[in-house]
Amino acid sequence: TLSQSFYAETLAHPQRLYIGVIPHNKTIFNTILELIEIYHREIQKLQQLSSNTPNPYGGVLTPGTKGWTELLDLYSTSLTYFLASRDLNSLRTDLEGDVIPRLQRDGLMPLRISELTGSTSTDEVSKILERLEAPALIDDQPNTVLATSMVSHGVDIDRLNSMIFYGMPRQNSEYIQASSRVGRSHVGIVFGCL
């Protein structure tokens, strides 16, 4: 069929938005750390808008409505993809030691971090995926997922619509496979930090 194949399909709307980030006068590590914090600050600010506030983007959904809440829920969980576990571990340490206390100091909810790596047990992977599939925010639902290449296959969660790459995978196929974890049913946002 014209514009379709087993591997790809041409749609009338974007499925994913790709944004390249080049750090200026800072390391990739610090850039990713700031990006995760800024992303979650903004999502929480949007979630807290009252119903008499106009949509800051001029869209059809109004803050405080059910539609607004459901849309933001689809973007409230960030997925960060790491090429190496040591980078993941270092970033998690700084998220827990610096970012979470700053968010709490400012009256925002802390990050609830989960990991999907080769060392995550099968039982734990199942539990994390079940919590992520829950349609509404629950107390123990992760809002920050740190992952390695194990997330590239078989993780098909509609709530994952925001992804940050800590570096670029060596092969294009790995990048395509990993980035297609987001934007499965709603427009996904993929940040690539090089």
Protein backbone atom coordinates (compact mmCIF):
# COMPACT_ATOMS: atom_id res chain seq x y z
CA THR A 1 0.00 0.00 0.00
CA LEU A 2 1.27 3.48 -0.81
CA SER A 3 3.06 5.09 2.19
CA GLN A 4 2.87 1.90 4.26
CA SER A 5 5.14 -1.03 4.89
CA PHE A 6 5.64 -3.74 7.47
CA TYR A 7 8.14 -1.43 9.22
CA ALA A 8 6.55 2.01 8.98
CA GLU A 9 3.36 3.89 8.26
CA THR A 10 2.91 7.49 7.16
CA LEU A 11 0.42 9.34 9.35
CA ALA A 12 -1.30 12.69 8.85
CA HIS A 13 -0.09 13.84 12.27
CA PRO A 14 3.23 13.56 14.11
CA GLN A 15 3.69 10.56 16.35
CA ARG A 16 6.87 11.79 18.02
CA LEU A 17 8.60 15.15 18.30
CA TYR A 18 12.40 14.92 18.40
CA ILE A 19 14.32 17.68 20.16
CA GLY A 20 18.10 17.82 20.10
CA VAL A 21 19.84 19.33 23.14
CA ILE A 22 23.47 20.41 22.98
CA PRO A 23 24.88 21.38 26.38
CA HIS A 24 26.62 24.75 26.50
CA ASN A 25 29.24 25.17 29.25
CA LYS A 26 27.97 22.13 31.15
CA THR A 27 28.27 18.38 31.01
CA ILE A 28 25.70 16.01 29.55
CA PHE A 29 25.20 14.72 33.10
CA ASN A 30 24.20 18.15 34.46
CA THR A 31 22.10 18.89 31.39
CA ILE A 32 20.09 15.67 31.83
CA LEU A 33 19.70 16.36 35.55
CA GLU A 34 18.32 19.85 34.84
CA LEU A 35 16.13 18.60 32.01
CA ILE A 36 14.45 16.01 34.24
CA GLU A 37 13.89 18.58 36.99
CA ILE A 38 12.55 21.28 34.65
CA TYR A 39 10.27 18.78 32.90
CA HIS A 40 8.68 17.61 36.16
CA ARG A 41 8.40 21.14 37.54
CA GLU A 42 6.47 22.23 34.45
CA ILE A 43 4.16 19.20 34.43
CA GLN A 44 3.34 19.77 38.10
CA LYS A 45 2.71 23.49 37.54
CA LEU A 46 0.30 22.63 34.72
CA GLN A 47 -1.43 20.03 36.92
CA GLN A 48 -1.93 22.65 39.65
CA LEU A 49 -3.59 25.28 37.43
CA SER A 50 -7.09 26.10 38.64
CA SER A 51 -10.19 25.74 36.50
CA ASN A 52 -10.60 29.50 36.05
CA THR A 53 -7.14 29.79 34.46
CA PRO A 54 -7.02 29.99 30.67
CA ASN A 55 -5.07 27.32 28.81
CA PRO A 56 -1.51 28.73 28.66
CA TYR A 57 -1.10 27.21 25.17
CA GLY A 58 -4.43 28.38 23.78
CA GLY A 59 -5.67 24.83 23.27
CA VAL A 60 -9.23 23.56 23.56
CA LEU A 61 -8.74 21.87 26.94
CA THR A 62 -9.25 23.97 30.05
CA PRO A 63 -7.10 23.61 33.17
CA GLY A 64 -8.82 21.83 36.03
CA THR A 65 -11.11 19.78 33.78
CA LYS A 66 -11.13 16.01 33.44
CA GLY A 67 -9.72 16.22 29.90
CA TRP A 68 -6.86 18.46 31.09
CA THR A 69 -6.02 16.07 33.93
CA GLU A 70 -6.14 13.01 31.66
CA LEU A 71 -3.90 14.66 29.06
CA LEU A 72 -1.27 15.71 31.62
CA ASP A 73 -1.35 12.23 33.15
CA LEU A 74 -0.11 10.91 29.80
CA TYR A 75 3.00 13.11 30.11
CA SER A 76 3.61 12.98 33.86
CA THR A 77 6.12 10.11 33.63
CA SER A 78 9.51 10.69 32.08
CA LEU A 79 11.63 7.87 30.71
CA THR A 80 15.40 8.42 30.60
CA TYR A 81 17.47 6.06 28.48
CA PHE A 82 21.10 5.39 29.47
CA LEU A 83 23.83 3.70 27.48
CA ALA A 84 25.67 2.69 30.66
CA SER A 85 24.41 1.64 34.10
CA ARG A 86 27.13 3.66 35.85
CA ASP A 87 25.64 6.88 34.38
CA LEU A 88 22.18 5.79 35.48
CA ASN A 89 23.40 5.11 39.03
CA SER A 90 25.23 8.46 39.25
CA LEU A 91 22.23 10.38 37.97
CA ARG A 92 19.88 8.61 40.36
CA THR A 93 22.13 9.59 43.27
CA ASP A 94 21.92 13.27 42.27
CA LEU A 95 18.17 13.10 41.63
CA GLU A 96 17.67 11.72 45.14
CA GLY A 97 20.24 13.98 46.82
CA ASP A 98 19.64 17.29 45.04
CA VAL A 99 16.59 17.41 42.77
CA ILE A 100 14.02 15.77 45.05
CA PRO A 101 14.88 18.01 48.04
CA ARG A 102 14.65 21.12 45.78
CA LEU A 103 11.25 20.06 44.47
CA GLN A 104 9.97 19.41 48.00
CA ARG A 105 11.40 22.73 49.25
CA ASP A 106 9.37 24.46 46.53
CA GLY A 107 6.17 22.66 47.54
CA LEU A 108 6.21 20.21 44.62
CA MET A 109 5.85 16.44 44.70
CA PRO A 110 9.09 14.47 44.79
CA LEU A 111 10.18 12.24 41.96
CA ARG A 112 9.17 8.60 42.39
CA ILE A 113 12.00 6.79 40.64
CA SER A 114 11.95 3.28 39.17
CA GLU A 115 14.63 1.49 37.21
CA LEU A 116 14.30 -0.84 34.25
CA THR A 117 17.73 -2.36 33.67
CA GLY A 118 19.25 -5.76 33.05
CA SER A 119 19.71 -6.15 36.81
CA THR A 120 16.04 -5.45 37.61
CA SER A 121 14.35 -8.73 38.53
CA THR A 122 11.55 -10.06 36.33
CA ASP A 123 9.09 -9.71 39.21
CA GLU A 124 10.09 -6.09 39.79
CA VAL A 125 9.84 -5.29 36.06
CA SER A 126 6.29 -6.71 36.07
CA LYS A 127 5.34 -4.62 39.12
CA ILE A 128 6.77 -1.43 37.62
CA LEU A 129 4.97 -1.99 34.31
CA GLU A 130 1.68 -2.70 36.10
CA ARG A 131 1.98 0.55 38.08
CA LEU A 132 2.82 2.48 34.90
CA GLU A 133 -0.25 1.08 33.14
CA ALA A 134 -2.57 2.46 35.82
CA PRO A 135 -4.59 5.23 34.10
CA ALA A 136 -4.63 7.70 36.99
CA LEU A 137 -1.86 8.81 39.29
CA ILE A 138 -1.52 6.47 42.26
CA ASP A 139 0.73 6.90 45.30
CA ASP A 140 3.44 4.44 44.29
CA GLN A 141 3.28 5.03 40.54
CA PRO A 142 6.69 6.02 39.20
CA ASN A 143 6.91 9.40 37.53
CA THR A 144 10.57 8.99 36.61
CA VAL A 145 11.83 5.82 34.96
CA LEU A 146 15.57 5.33 34.47
CA ALA A 147 16.30 2.61 31.95
CA THR A 148 18.95 0.91 29.86
CA SER A 149 18.52 -0.99 26.60
CA MET A 150 16.31 -3.59 28.30
CA VAL A 151 13.42 -1.15 27.83
CA SER A 152 13.84 -1.20 24.03
CA HIS A 153 11.66 -4.26 23.45
CA GLY A 154 8.26 -5.17 24.80
CA VAL A 155 7.60 -2.08 26.91
CA ASP A 156 4.41 -0.77 25.32
CA ILE A 157 2.87 1.59 27.88
CA ASP A 158 0.53 4.36 26.68
CA ARG A 159 1.54 6.58 29.63
CA LEU A 160 5.13 6.79 28.40
CA ASN A 161 5.18 9.84 26.16
CA SER A 162 8.32 11.65 27.26
CA MET A 163 11.83 10.28 26.76
CA ILE A 164 15.29 11.67 27.38
CA PHE A 165 18.38 10.07 25.86
CA TYR A 166 21.58 10.29 27.90
CA GLY A 167 23.88 10.10 24.87
CA MET A 168 23.20 8.50 21.51
CA PRO A 169 23.05 4.73 20.97
CA ARG A 170 25.73 3.49 18.57
CA GLN A 171 23.28 2.04 16.08
CA ASN A 172 20.36 3.83 14.43
CA SER A 173 18.19 0.75 14.88
CA GLU A 174 18.69 0.87 18.67
CA TYR A 175 17.76 4.56 18.72
CA ILE A 176 14.63 3.95 16.65
CA GLN A 177 13.63 0.94 18.74
CA ALA A 178 14.22 2.72 22.05
CA SER A 179 12.53 5.99 21.04
CA SER A 180 9.45 4.12 19.91
CA ARG A 181 8.72 3.30 23.56
CA VAL A 182 7.04 6.71 23.69
CA GLY A 183 4.30 8.12 21.50
CA ARG A 184 2.48 4.85 20.99
CA SER A 185 -1.04 6.27 21.31
CA HIS A 186 -0.36 9.99 21.92
CA VAL A 187 2.27 12.35 20.56
CA GLY A 188 5.60 11.52 22.17
CA ILE A 189 8.43 13.93 23.00
CA VAL A 190 12.00 12.65 22.62
CA PHE A 191 14.92 14.72 23.92
CA GLY A 192 18.33 13.71 22.64
CA CYS A 193 21.26 15.07 24.61
CA LEU A 194 24.52 14.70 22.72
